[in-house]
Amino acid sequence: MPQEEFWLSGPVPDIPVLAQPAAHALLQSLRELKELLIDFPEEQLWKNVGERASVGFHAQHLTGVLDRLLTYAKGKELTSEQFIYLKNEGTPNTAITPIALIKNFEAKVEEALNYFKTLNTETILTNRTVGRKHLPTNILGLIFHAGEHSQRHIGQLLVTASFLKEN
């Protein structure tokens, strides 16, 4: 019997109400990533379909974007390691397995949920900036984008993975 989507499963314990949608989206993304990659053929992980990004790119990007958005939400600047990770997202690497990609995203989602637990109604609206241009936003905007961006890439990953599995 299929599980309910996370947004229909009630509140995530200890997560403030304003962070619930982001928590639900990240948990849903993680569940779907596991379903899509658990038996995904490793030889197709870095294969591009047309000029579209590979399954491996989307899975790496999920983790990388979440990491970067959490950094900004915490009021910090990106590190050189984060820029290197960004540069290498989608670069074919046969040492990276579908299971490793799942575990990496799972760890980052856990970090995000733990961070969300530290927020409250006042702190979630704290101003933050993004990138070298210091574009204005706030913590709520960053965590909302983390959730919706993850769902967007899960959708793209699903289409690419299903096409590769069928062909």
N, C-alpha and C. Protein backbone atom coordinates (compact mmCIF):
# COMPACT_ATOMS: atom_id res chain seq x y z
N MET A 1 0.84 -1.18 0.00
CA MET A 1 0.00 0.00 0.00
C MET A 1 0.89 1.25 0.00
N PRO A 2 0.62 2.19 -0.91
CA PRO A 2 1.48 3.38 -1.00
C PRO A 2 1.37 4.25 0.26
N GLN A 3 2.49 4.86 0.60
CA GLN A 3 2.51 5.78 1.74
C GLN A 3 1.92 7.12 1.31
N GLU A 4 1.37 7.82 2.30
CA GLU A 4 0.89 9.18 2.04
C GLU A 4 2.10 10.07 1.75
N GLU A 5 1.89 11.09 0.95
CA GLU A 5 2.96 12.07 0.79
C GLU A 5 3.18 12.74 2.14
N PHE A 6 4.39 13.23 2.35
CA PHE A 6 4.74 13.78 3.65
C PHE A 6 3.84 14.94 4.07
N TRP A 7 3.42 15.75 3.12
CA TRP A 7 2.59 16.90 3.50
C TRP A 7 1.21 16.46 4.00
N LEU A 8 0.84 15.20 3.72
CA LEU A 8 -0.42 14.66 4.19
C LEU A 8 -0.26 13.75 5.41
N SER A 9 0.94 13.72 5.95
CA SER A 9 1.24 12.82 7.06
C SER A 9 1.34 13.53 8.40
N GLY A 10 0.91 14.76 8.46
CA GLY A 10 0.97 15.50 9.71
C GLY A 10 2.30 16.21 9.90
N PRO A 11 2.41 16.96 10.96
CA PRO A 11 3.63 17.74 11.19
C PRO A 11 4.84 16.86 11.50
N VAL A 12 5.99 17.33 11.06
CA VAL A 12 7.26 16.69 11.40
C VAL A 12 7.59 17.12 12.82
N PRO A 13 7.83 16.18 13.73
CA PRO A 13 8.07 16.54 15.13
C PRO A 13 9.20 17.56 15.31
N ASP A 14 8.94 18.52 16.19
CA ASP A 14 9.92 19.53 16.62
C ASP A 14 10.30 20.55 15.55
N ILE A 15 9.61 20.52 14.42
CA ILE A 15 9.88 21.51 13.36
C ILE A 15 8.85 22.62 13.50
N PRO A 16 9.29 23.89 13.54
CA PRO A 16 8.34 25.00 13.65
C PRO A 16 7.35 25.01 12.48
N VAL A 17 6.16 25.51 12.75
CA VAL A 17 5.09 25.47 11.77
C VAL A 17 5.48 26.10 10.43
N LEU A 18 6.21 27.22 10.45
CA LEU A 18 6.58 27.87 9.20
C LEU A 18 7.62 27.08 8.40
N ALA A 19 8.32 26.18 9.04
CA ALA A 19 9.32 25.35 8.35
C ALA A 19 8.74 24.01 7.91
N GLN A 20 7.50 23.70 8.29
CA GLN A 20 6.90 22.41 7.94
C GLN A 20 6.88 22.15 6.42
N PRO A 21 6.46 23.13 5.59
CA PRO A 21 6.44 22.84 4.15
C PRO A 21 7.81 22.47 3.59
N ALA A 22 8.85 23.14 4.05
CA ALA A 22 10.21 22.81 3.58
C ALA A 22 10.61 21.43 4.07
N ALA A 23 10.30 21.11 5.33
CA ALA A 23 10.62 19.79 5.86
C ALA A 23 9.89 18.70 5.09
N HIS A 24 8.60 18.92 4.82
CA HIS A 24 7.82 17.93 4.06
C HIS A 24 8.42 17.73 2.66
N ALA A 25 8.77 18.82 1.99
CA ALA A 25 9.32 18.72 0.63
C ALA A 25 10.65 17.98 0.63
N LEU A 26 11.51 18.25 1.61
CA LEU A 26 12.80 17.56 1.66
C LEU A 26 12.62 16.08 1.97
N LEU A 27 11.75 15.75 2.89
CA LEU A 27 11.50 14.34 3.20
C LEU A 27 10.88 13.61 2.01
N GLN A 28 9.98 14.28 1.29
CA GLN A 28 9.39 13.68 0.09
C GLN A 28 10.46 13.47 -0.97
N SER A 29 11.33 14.45 -1.14
CA SER A 29 12.42 14.33 -2.11
C SER A 29 13.32 13.15 -1.77
N LEU A 30 13.65 13.00 -0.50
CA LEU A 30 14.50 11.90 -0.07
C LEU A 30 13.82 10.55 -0.34
N ARG A 31 12.56 10.45 0.00
CA ARG A 31 11.84 9.20 -0.24
C ARG A 31 11.85 8.86 -1.73
N GLU A 32 11.57 9.84 -2.57
CA GLU A 32 11.50 9.60 -4.01
C GLU A 32 12.88 9.29 -4.59
N LEU A 33 13.92 9.96 -4.08
CA LEU A 33 15.27 9.67 -4.55
C LEU A 33 15.63 8.22 -4.25
N LYS A 34 15.29 7.77 -3.04
CA LYS A 34 15.55 6.37 -2.69
C LYS A 34 14.81 5.43 -3.64
N GLU A 35 13.55 5.71 -3.90
CA GLU A 35 12.76 4.85 -4.79
C GLU A 35 13.35 4.82 -6.21
N LEU A 36 13.84 5.96 -6.66
CA LEU A 36 14.35 6.05 -8.03
C LEU A 36 15.74 5.45 -8.19
N LEU A 37 16.58 5.57 -7.17
CA LEU A 37 17.97 5.16 -7.33
C LEU A 37 18.33 3.82 -6.71
N ILE A 38 17.46 3.26 -5.89
CA ILE A 38 17.83 2.04 -5.18
C ILE A 38 18.27 0.93 -6.13
N ASP A 39 17.62 0.77 -7.26
CA ASP A 39 17.98 -0.26 -8.23
C ASP A 39 18.42 0.33 -9.56
N PHE A 40 18.85 1.60 -9.53
CA PHE A 40 19.22 2.26 -10.79
C PHE A 40 20.54 1.70 -11.31
N PRO A 41 20.61 1.38 -12.60
CA PRO A 41 21.85 0.82 -13.16
C PRO A 41 23.01 1.82 -13.12
N GLU A 42 24.09 1.44 -12.47
CA GLU A 42 25.23 2.33 -12.32
C GLU A 42 25.79 2.81 -13.66
N GLU A 43 25.73 1.96 -14.67
CA GLU A 43 26.29 2.33 -15.97
C GLU A 43 25.49 3.44 -16.66
N GLN A 44 24.29 3.73 -16.16
CA GLN A 44 23.48 4.79 -16.75
C GLN A 44 23.45 6.06 -15.90
N LEU A 45 24.15 6.04 -14.78
CA LEU A 45 24.09 7.15 -13.82
C LEU A 45 24.52 8.48 -14.43
N TRP A 46 25.53 8.45 -15.29
CA TRP A 46 26.08 9.70 -15.83
C TRP A 46 25.69 9.91 -17.29
N LYS A 47 24.77 9.11 -17.78
CA LYS A 47 24.35 9.20 -19.19
C LYS A 47 23.40 10.37 -19.37
N ASN A 48 23.69 11.20 -20.37
CA ASN A 48 22.80 12.31 -20.70
C ASN A 48 21.78 11.84 -21.73
N VAL A 49 20.59 12.36 -21.62
CA VAL A 49 19.54 12.08 -22.58
C VAL A 49 19.35 13.37 -23.37
N GLY A 50 19.70 13.29 -24.66
CA GLY A 50 19.69 14.51 -25.44
C GLY A 50 20.71 15.48 -24.84
N GLU A 51 20.29 16.69 -24.63
CA GLU A 51 21.18 17.67 -24.00
C GLU A 51 20.77 17.92 -22.56
N ARG A 52 20.05 16.99 -21.97
CA ARG A 52 19.58 17.11 -20.59
C ARG A 52 20.59 16.54 -19.62
N ALA A 53 20.52 16.99 -18.39
CA ALA A 53 21.45 16.55 -17.36
C ALA A 53 21.21 15.09 -16.99
N SER A 54 22.27 14.46 -16.54
CA SER A 54 22.22 13.05 -16.14
C SER A 54 21.52 12.88 -14.80
N VAL A 55 21.14 11.65 -14.52
CA VAL A 55 20.58 11.29 -13.22
C VAL A 55 21.60 11.61 -12.13
N GLY A 56 22.87 11.29 -12.38
CA GLY A 56 23.92 11.57 -11.42
C GLY A 56 24.03 13.05 -11.10
N PHE A 57 23.91 13.90 -12.14
CA PHE A 57 23.94 15.35 -11.88
C PHE A 57 22.83 15.75 -10.94
N HIS A 58 21.61 15.35 -11.25
CA HIS A 58 20.48 15.77 -10.42
C HIS A 58 20.65 15.30 -8.98
N ALA A 59 21.12 14.08 -8.78
CA ALA A 59 21.30 13.56 -7.43
C ALA A 59 22.40 14.32 -6.69
N GLN A 60 23.49 14.63 -7.38
CA GLN A 60 24.55 15.43 -6.75
C GLN A 60 24.06 16.84 -6.46
N HIS A 61 23.34 17.40 -7.40
CA HIS A 61 22.86 18.78 -7.29
C HIS A 61 21.90 18.94 -6.11
N LEU A 62 21.06 17.94 -5.88
CA LEU A 62 20.15 17.98 -4.73
C LEU A 62 20.94 18.23 -3.44
N THR A 63 22.00 17.47 -3.26
CA THR A 63 22.82 17.60 -2.06
C THR A 63 23.57 18.93 -2.04
N GLY A 64 24.16 19.29 -3.17
CA GLY A 64 24.94 20.53 -3.23
C GLY A 64 24.11 21.78 -2.98
N VAL A 65 22.96 21.87 -3.61
CA VAL A 65 22.11 23.04 -3.41
C VAL A 65 21.63 23.12 -1.97
N LEU A 66 21.20 22.01 -1.41
CA LEU A 66 20.75 22.02 -0.03
C LEU A 66 21.88 22.47 0.90
N ASP A 67 23.08 21.98 0.66
CA ASP A 67 24.23 22.39 1.46
C ASP A 67 24.47 23.90 1.35
N ARG A 68 24.42 24.42 0.14
CA ARG A 68 24.67 25.86 -0.07
C ARG A 68 23.57 26.71 0.55
N LEU A 69 22.32 26.30 0.39
CA LEU A 69 21.22 27.08 0.97
C LEU A 69 21.26 27.06 2.50
N LEU A 70 21.65 25.94 3.09
CA LEU A 70 21.79 25.89 4.55
C LEU A 70 22.92 26.80 5.01
N THR A 71 23.99 26.86 4.25
CA THR A 71 25.10 27.76 4.58
C THR A 71 24.61 29.20 4.62
N TYR A 72 23.87 29.61 3.59
CA TYR A 72 23.34 30.98 3.55
C TYR A 72 22.34 31.21 4.68
N ALA A 73 21.49 30.22 4.95
CA ALA A 73 20.50 30.36 6.02
C ALA A 73 21.18 30.58 7.36
N LYS A 74 22.34 29.96 7.55
CA LYS A 74 23.08 30.12 8.80
C LYS A 74 23.89 31.42 8.82
N GLY A 75 23.78 32.21 7.77
CA GLY A 75 24.47 33.50 7.72
C GLY A 75 25.94 33.40 7.37
N LYS A 76 26.33 32.33 6.71
CA LYS A 76 27.74 32.11 6.38
C LYS A 76 27.97 32.24 4.88
N GLU A 77 29.23 32.34 4.51
CA GLU A 77 29.64 32.37 3.10
C GLU A 77 30.05 30.96 2.69
N LEU A 78 29.99 30.71 1.39
CA LEU A 78 30.40 29.41 0.89
C LEU A 78 31.91 29.23 1.04
N THR A 79 32.31 28.00 1.26
CA THR A 79 33.72 27.67 1.40
C THR A 79 34.30 27.26 0.05
N SER A 80 35.61 27.17 -0.02
CA SER A 80 36.25 26.72 -1.25
C SER A 80 35.83 25.28 -1.58
N GLU A 81 35.62 24.45 -0.56
CA GLU A 81 35.17 23.08 -0.80
C GLU A 81 33.79 23.05 -1.45
N GLN A 82 32.92 23.97 -1.03
CA GLN A 82 31.59 24.03 -1.62
C GLN A 82 31.65 24.47 -3.09
N PHE A 83 32.55 25.39 -3.41
CA PHE A 83 32.71 25.81 -4.80
C PHE A 83 33.27 24.67 -5.66
N ILE A 84 34.18 23.89 -5.10
CA ILE A 84 34.71 22.73 -5.83
C ILE A 84 33.60 21.71 -6.07
N TYR A 85 32.78 21.45 -5.04
CA TYR A 85 31.66 20.52 -5.20
C TYR A 85 30.73 21.02 -6.31
N LEU A 86 30.41 22.31 -6.29
CA LEU A 86 29.53 22.90 -7.31
C LEU A 86 30.11 22.71 -8.70
N LYS A 87 31.40 22.97 -8.84
CA LYS A 87 32.05 22.84 -10.14
C LYS A 87 31.99 21.40 -10.66
N ASN A 88 32.04 20.44 -9.75
CA ASN A 88 32.09 19.03 -10.14
C ASN A 88 30.72 18.35 -10.21
N GLU A 89 29.66 19.06 -9.89
CA GLU A 89 28.33 18.46 -9.98
C GLU A 89 28.08 18.00 -11.41
N GLY A 90 27.79 16.73 -11.56
CA GLY A 90 27.47 16.18 -12.87
C GLY A 90 28.66 15.66 -13.64
N THR A 91 29.86 15.85 -13.11
CA THR A 91 31.04 15.30 -13.78
C THR A 91 31.03 13.79 -13.59
N PRO A 92 31.03 13.03 -14.68
CA PRO A 92 30.98 11.58 -14.54
C PRO A 92 32.09 11.05 -13.63
N ASN A 93 31.70 10.20 -12.70
CA ASN A 93 32.64 9.63 -11.74
C ASN A 93 32.13 8.24 -11.38
N THR A 94 32.76 7.23 -11.94
CA THR A 94 32.29 5.86 -11.72
C THR A 94 32.50 5.39 -10.28
N ALA A 95 33.25 6.13 -9.50
CA ALA A 95 33.43 5.77 -8.08
C ALA A 95 32.20 6.15 -7.25
N ILE A 96 31.34 6.99 -7.80
CA ILE A 96 30.13 7.42 -7.10
C ILE A 96 28.99 6.50 -7.52
N THR A 97 28.37 5.87 -6.55
CA THR A 97 27.28 4.93 -6.82
C THR A 97 25.93 5.57 -6.51
N PRO A 98 24.86 4.99 -7.02
CA PRO A 98 23.53 5.49 -6.65
C PRO A 98 23.31 5.46 -5.13
N ILE A 99 23.80 4.43 -4.47
CA ILE A 99 23.63 4.33 -3.01
C ILE A 99 24.38 5.45 -2.31
N ALA A 100 25.58 5.78 -2.78
CA ALA A 100 26.34 6.88 -2.18
C ALA A 100 25.59 8.20 -2.36
N LEU A 101 24.98 8.39 -3.52
CA LEU A 101 24.23 9.63 -3.77
C LEU A 101 23.03 9.72 -2.82
N ILE A 102 22.37 8.60 -2.59
CA ILE A 102 21.25 8.58 -1.64
C ILE A 102 21.75 8.93 -0.25
N LYS A 103 22.82 8.30 0.19
CA LYS A 103 23.35 8.53 1.54
C LYS A 103 23.78 9.99 1.73
N ASN A 104 24.40 10.58 0.70
CA ASN A 104 24.82 11.98 0.79
C ASN A 104 23.63 12.91 0.98
N PHE A 105 22.58 12.69 0.18
CA PHE A 105 21.40 13.54 0.30
C PHE A 105 20.69 13.29 1.63
N GLU A 106 20.63 12.05 2.04
CA GLU A 106 19.99 11.71 3.31
C GLU A 106 20.68 12.43 4.48
N ALA A 107 21.99 12.47 4.47
CA ALA A 107 22.73 13.16 5.53
C ALA A 107 22.46 14.66 5.50
N LYS A 108 22.36 15.23 4.31
CA LYS A 108 22.11 16.66 4.20
C LYS A 108 20.68 17.00 4.62
N VAL A 109 19.72 16.14 4.31
CA VAL A 109 18.34 16.36 4.76
C VAL A 109 18.28 16.29 6.28
N GLU A 110 18.97 15.35 6.86
CA GLU A 110 19.01 15.25 8.33
C GLU A 110 19.60 16.52 8.94
N GLU A 111 20.67 17.02 8.33
CA GLU A 111 21.26 18.28 8.80
C GLU A 111 20.25 19.42 8.69
N ALA A 112 19.54 19.47 7.59
CA ALA A 112 18.54 20.53 7.39
C ALA A 112 17.44 20.46 8.45
N LEU A 113 16.92 19.27 8.68
CA LEU A 113 15.85 19.12 9.67
C LEU A 113 16.34 19.50 11.07
N ASN A 114 17.56 19.13 11.40
CA ASN A 114 18.12 19.54 12.69
C ASN A 114 18.26 21.06 12.78
N TYR A 115 18.63 21.68 11.68
CA TYR A 115 18.71 23.15 11.65
C TYR A 115 17.32 23.76 11.81
N PHE A 116 16.34 23.22 11.10
CA PHE A 116 14.97 23.74 11.19
C PHE A 116 14.48 23.73 12.63
N LYS A 117 14.89 22.73 13.40
CA LYS A 117 14.47 22.61 14.80
C LYS A 117 15.00 23.75 15.67
N THR A 118 16.03 24.42 15.21
CA THR A 118 16.60 25.54 15.98
C THR A 118 15.87 26.85 15.71
N LEU A 119 14.99 26.86 14.73
CA LEU A 119 14.29 28.09 14.32
C LEU A 119 13.04 28.30 15.15
N ASN A 120 12.59 29.53 15.18
CA ASN A 120 11.29 29.85 15.77
C ASN A 120 10.65 30.96 14.94
N THR A 121 9.49 31.38 15.32
CA THR A 121 8.73 32.35 14.53
C THR A 121 9.50 33.65 14.30
N GLU A 122 10.29 34.06 15.25
CA GLU A 122 11.05 35.29 15.10
C GLU A 122 12.30 35.09 14.24
N THR A 123 13.05 34.02 14.53
CA THR A 123 14.33 33.85 13.82
C THR A 123 14.15 33.45 12.36
N ILE A 124 13.05 32.83 12.02
CA ILE A 124 12.86 32.34 10.65
C ILE A 124 12.74 33.50 9.65
N LEU A 125 12.42 34.69 10.15
CA LEU A 125 12.31 35.86 9.27
C LEU A 125 13.57 36.72 9.28
N THR A 126 14.65 36.21 9.86
CA THR A 126 15.92 36.93 9.89
C THR A 126 16.44 37.12 8.48
N ASN A 127 16.87 38.34 8.19
CA ASN A 127 17.41 38.64 6.86
C ASN A 127 18.70 37.89 6.62
N ARG A 128 18.87 37.45 5.39
CA ARG A 128 20.08 36.78 4.93
C ARG A 128 20.37 37.26 3.51
N THR A 129 21.58 36.95 3.04
CA THR A 129 21.93 37.27 1.66
C THR A 129 22.44 36.01 0.98
N VAL A 130 22.42 36.06 -0.35
CA VAL A 130 22.80 34.90 -1.15
C VAL A 130 23.87 35.31 -2.16
N GLY A 131 24.93 34.52 -2.20
CA GLY A 131 25.93 34.67 -3.24
C GLY A 131 26.86 35.85 -3.08
N ARG A 132 27.73 35.96 -4.07
CA ARG A 132 28.74 37.04 -4.06
C ARG A 132 28.10 38.41 -4.19
N LYS A 133 26.92 38.46 -4.79
CA LYS A 133 26.21 39.74 -4.93
C LYS A 133 25.41 40.09 -3.69
N HIS A 134 25.37 39.18 -2.74
CA HIS A 134 24.62 39.37 -1.48
C HIS A 134 23.17 39.77 -1.76
N LEU A 135 22.51 38.97 -2.58
CA LEU A 135 21.11 39.22 -2.92
C LEU A 135 20.25 39.00 -1.68
N PRO A 136 19.27 39.87 -1.45
CA PRO A 136 18.51 39.83 -0.20
C PRO A 136 17.45 38.73 -0.16
N THR A 137 17.33 38.10 0.99
CA THR A 137 16.28 37.14 1.28
C THR A 137 16.19 37.02 2.80
N ASN A 138 15.56 35.96 3.27
CA ASN A 138 15.54 35.67 4.70
C ASN A 138 15.60 34.15 4.87
N ILE A 139 15.70 33.70 6.11
CA ILE A 139 15.83 32.27 6.35
C ILE A 139 14.64 31.51 5.78
N LEU A 140 13.43 32.03 5.96
CA LEU A 140 12.25 31.36 5.43
C LEU A 140 12.35 31.19 3.92
N GLY A 141 12.78 32.23 3.21
CA GLY A 141 12.94 32.14 1.77
C GLY A 141 13.94 31.08 1.36
N LEU A 142 15.03 31.00 2.11
CA LEU A 142 16.07 30.02 1.80
C LEU A 142 15.60 28.58 2.03
N ILE A 143 14.93 28.36 3.15
CA ILE A 143 14.50 26.97 3.40
C ILE A 143 13.32 26.59 2.50
N PHE A 144 12.46 27.55 2.17
CA PHE A 144 11.40 27.27 1.21
C PHE A 144 12.00 26.88 -0.14
N HIS A 145 12.99 27.65 -0.58
CA HIS A 145 13.64 27.34 -1.86
C HIS A 145 14.34 25.99 -1.81
N ALA A 146 14.91 25.64 -0.67
CA ALA A 146 15.55 24.33 -0.54
C ALA A 146 14.54 23.22 -0.82
N GLY A 147 13.36 23.35 -0.26
CA GLY A 147 12.33 22.34 -0.47
C GLY A 147 11.82 22.29 -1.89
N GLU A 148 11.47 23.45 -2.43
CA GLU A 148 10.89 23.44 -3.78
C GLU A 148 11.94 23.12 -4.84
N HIS A 149 13.16 23.53 -4.64
CA HIS A 149 14.22 23.23 -5.61
C HIS A 149 14.51 21.72 -5.62
N SER A 150 14.48 21.12 -4.44
CA SER A 150 14.67 19.67 -4.36
C SER A 150 13.57 18.94 -5.11
N GLN A 151 12.34 19.35 -4.93
CA GLN A 151 11.23 18.71 -5.62
C GLN A 151 11.34 18.89 -7.14
N ARG A 152 11.80 20.05 -7.56
CA ARG A 152 11.97 20.30 -9.00
C ARG A 152 12.98 19.32 -9.60
N HIS A 153 14.11 19.13 -8.91
CA HIS A 153 15.13 18.24 -9.47
C HIS A 153 14.74 16.77 -9.35
N ILE A 154 13.96 16.43 -8.35
CA ILE A 154 13.44 15.06 -8.28
C ILE A 154 12.57 14.79 -9.50
N GLY A 155 11.76 15.76 -9.89
CA GLY A 155 10.94 15.60 -11.08
C GLY A 155 11.77 15.41 -12.33
N GLN A 156 12.81 16.20 -12.47
CA GLN A 156 13.68 16.06 -13.64
C GLN A 156 14.42 14.72 -13.61
N LEU A 157 14.88 14.33 -12.43
CA LEU A 157 15.56 13.04 -12.27
C LEU A 157 14.62 11.89 -12.64
N LEU A 158 13.37 11.98 -12.20
CA LEU A 158 12.38 10.95 -12.49
C LEU A 158 12.20 10.77 -14.00
N VAL A 159 12.07 11.86 -14.71
CA VAL A 159 11.87 11.77 -16.15
C VAL A 159 13.08 11.14 -16.83
N THR A 160 14.27 11.60 -16.47
CA THR A 160 15.49 11.06 -17.09
C THR A 160 15.66 9.59 -16.72
N ALA A 161 15.49 9.25 -15.45
CA ALA A 161 15.67 7.86 -15.01
C ALA A 161 14.66 6.93 -15.69
N SER A 162 13.41 7.36 -15.79
CA SER A 162 12.41 6.50 -16.40
C SER A 162 12.69 6.30 -17.88
N PHE A 163 13.16 7.33 -18.56
CA PHE A 163 13.51 7.20 -19.97
C PHE A 163 14.67 6.23 -20.14
N LEU A 164 15.70 6.35 -19.31
CA LEU A 164 16.86 5.46 -19.42
C LEU A 164 16.50 4.02 -19.09
N LYS A 165 15.66 3.82 -18.12
CA LYS A 165 15.26 2.45 -17.76
C LYS A 165 14.44 1.80 -18.87
N GLU A 166 13.63 2.58 -19.57
CA GLU A 166 12.78 2.04 -20.64
C GLU A 166 13.55 1.80 -21.93
N ASN A 167 14.67 2.49 -22.10
CA ASN A 167 15.42 2.37 -23.35
C ASN A 167 16.71 1.68 -23.06
